[in-house]
Amino acid sequence: MLLFASLRDQAGWDEQCVFLPDKDVVTAEDIWDQLKLGPRPASVQISINQRLVSSLTPVQIGDEVAFLPPFTGG
C-alpha cells in the first residue's frame, strides 16, 4: 500500500504492507477502510498495479494499491 502527499502526512507513513480482510472479494475501498482515515474523499484516486481503477475493483494478494490525492504544482 502506498500513500502520497497529504495522505502520507495524515497517516504518518508512505509505504506499508496490509493484510486483506477475510472475505470472498476484497475491493480497493475495503483497503481504504483499513487505514482508518475516515471517508475517502471523492478527489482521491486509486491505483492498483500502477493503473487507475474504481473503488470497487477487486484486490488480489501481491497487488500494489496506491491512494492518490490531487496533485498540484509543476
Protein backbone atom coordinates (compact mmCIF):
# COMPACT_ATOMS: atom_id res chain seq x y z
CA MET A 1 0.00 0.00 0.00
CA LEU A 2 1.30 3.43 -0.94
CA LEU A 3 0.16 6.85 0.24
CA PHE A 4 1.21 10.15 -1.28
CA ALA A 5 1.30 13.84 -0.33
CA SER A 6 -1.33 14.89 2.23
CA LEU A 7 -2.48 11.29 2.77
CA ARG A 8 1.08 10.30 3.67
CA ASP A 9 1.25 13.20 6.13
CA GLN A 10 -2.11 12.29 7.68
CA ALA A 11 -1.25 8.59 8.13
CA GLY A 12 2.37 9.15 9.17
CA TRP A 13 3.77 6.63 6.66
CA ASP A 14 4.14 6.30 2.88
CA GLU A 15 4.51 2.56 2.26
CA GLN A 16 3.15 -0.38 4.23
CA CYS A 17 2.04 -3.98 3.80
CA VAL A 18 -1.53 -4.71 4.88
CA PHE A 19 -3.49 -7.89 5.44
CA LEU A 20 -6.52 -8.43 3.24
CA PRO A 21 -9.82 -8.75 5.11
CA ASP A 22 -11.20 -12.28 5.37
CA LYS A 23 -13.93 -12.13 2.72
CA ASP A 24 -14.53 -13.58 -0.73
CA VAL A 25 -13.90 -10.35 -2.65
CA VAL A 26 -11.75 -7.55 -1.27
CA THR A 27 -12.06 -4.18 -3.00
CA ALA A 28 -9.84 -1.14 -3.02
CA GLU A 29 -12.44 0.56 -0.80
CA ASP A 30 -12.03 -2.25 1.77
CA ILE A 31 -8.31 -1.47 1.84
CA TRP A 32 -9.05 2.24 2.36
CA ASP A 33 -11.32 1.35 5.30
CA GLN A 34 -8.38 -0.42 6.99
CA LEU A 35 -6.46 2.86 7.02
CA LYS A 36 -8.93 4.40 9.47
CA LEU A 37 -8.54 7.82 7.83
CA GLY A 38 -12.29 8.44 7.64
CA PRO A 39 -14.40 8.53 4.49
CA ARG A 40 -12.36 8.57 1.28
CA PRO A 41 -12.63 11.98 -0.39
CA ALA A 42 -14.01 11.75 -3.93
CA SER A 43 -10.89 13.57 -5.15
CA VAL A 44 -8.60 10.71 -4.00
CA GLN A 45 -7.87 8.38 -6.90
CA ILE A 46 -6.98 4.71 -6.54
CA SER A 47 -4.27 2.86 -8.42
CA ILE A 48 -3.76 -0.90 -8.45
CA ASN A 49 -0.50 -2.04 -10.02
CA GLN A 50 0.02 1.47 -11.43
CA ARG A 51 -3.36 1.56 -13.20
CA LEU A 52 -6.17 3.92 -12.13
CA VAL A 53 -9.22 1.92 -11.02
CA SER A 54 -12.58 2.38 -9.29
CA SER A 55 -13.05 1.85 -5.57
CA LEU A 56 -14.96 -1.37 -6.30
CA THR A 57 -12.06 -3.00 -8.15
CA PRO A 58 -11.06 -6.32 -6.54
CA VAL A 59 -7.62 -6.51 -4.92
CA GLN A 60 -5.51 -9.66 -5.10
CA ILE A 61 -2.67 -10.77 -2.85
CA GLY A 62 0.53 -9.11 -4.03
CA ASP A 63 -1.18 -6.13 -5.71
CA GLU A 64 0.31 -2.69 -5.19
CA VAL A 65 -2.50 -0.38 -4.07
CA ALA A 66 -1.92 3.37 -4.01
CA PHE A 67 -4.20 6.19 -2.92
CA LEU A 68 -3.50 9.42 -4.77
CA PRO A 69 -4.74 12.80 -3.56
CA PRO A 70 -4.97 15.63 -6.09
CA PHE A 71 -1.52 16.80 -7.15
CA THR A 72 -0.63 20.46 -7.59
CA GLY A 73 2.42 22.33 -8.73
CA GLY A 74 4.62 21.70 -11.67
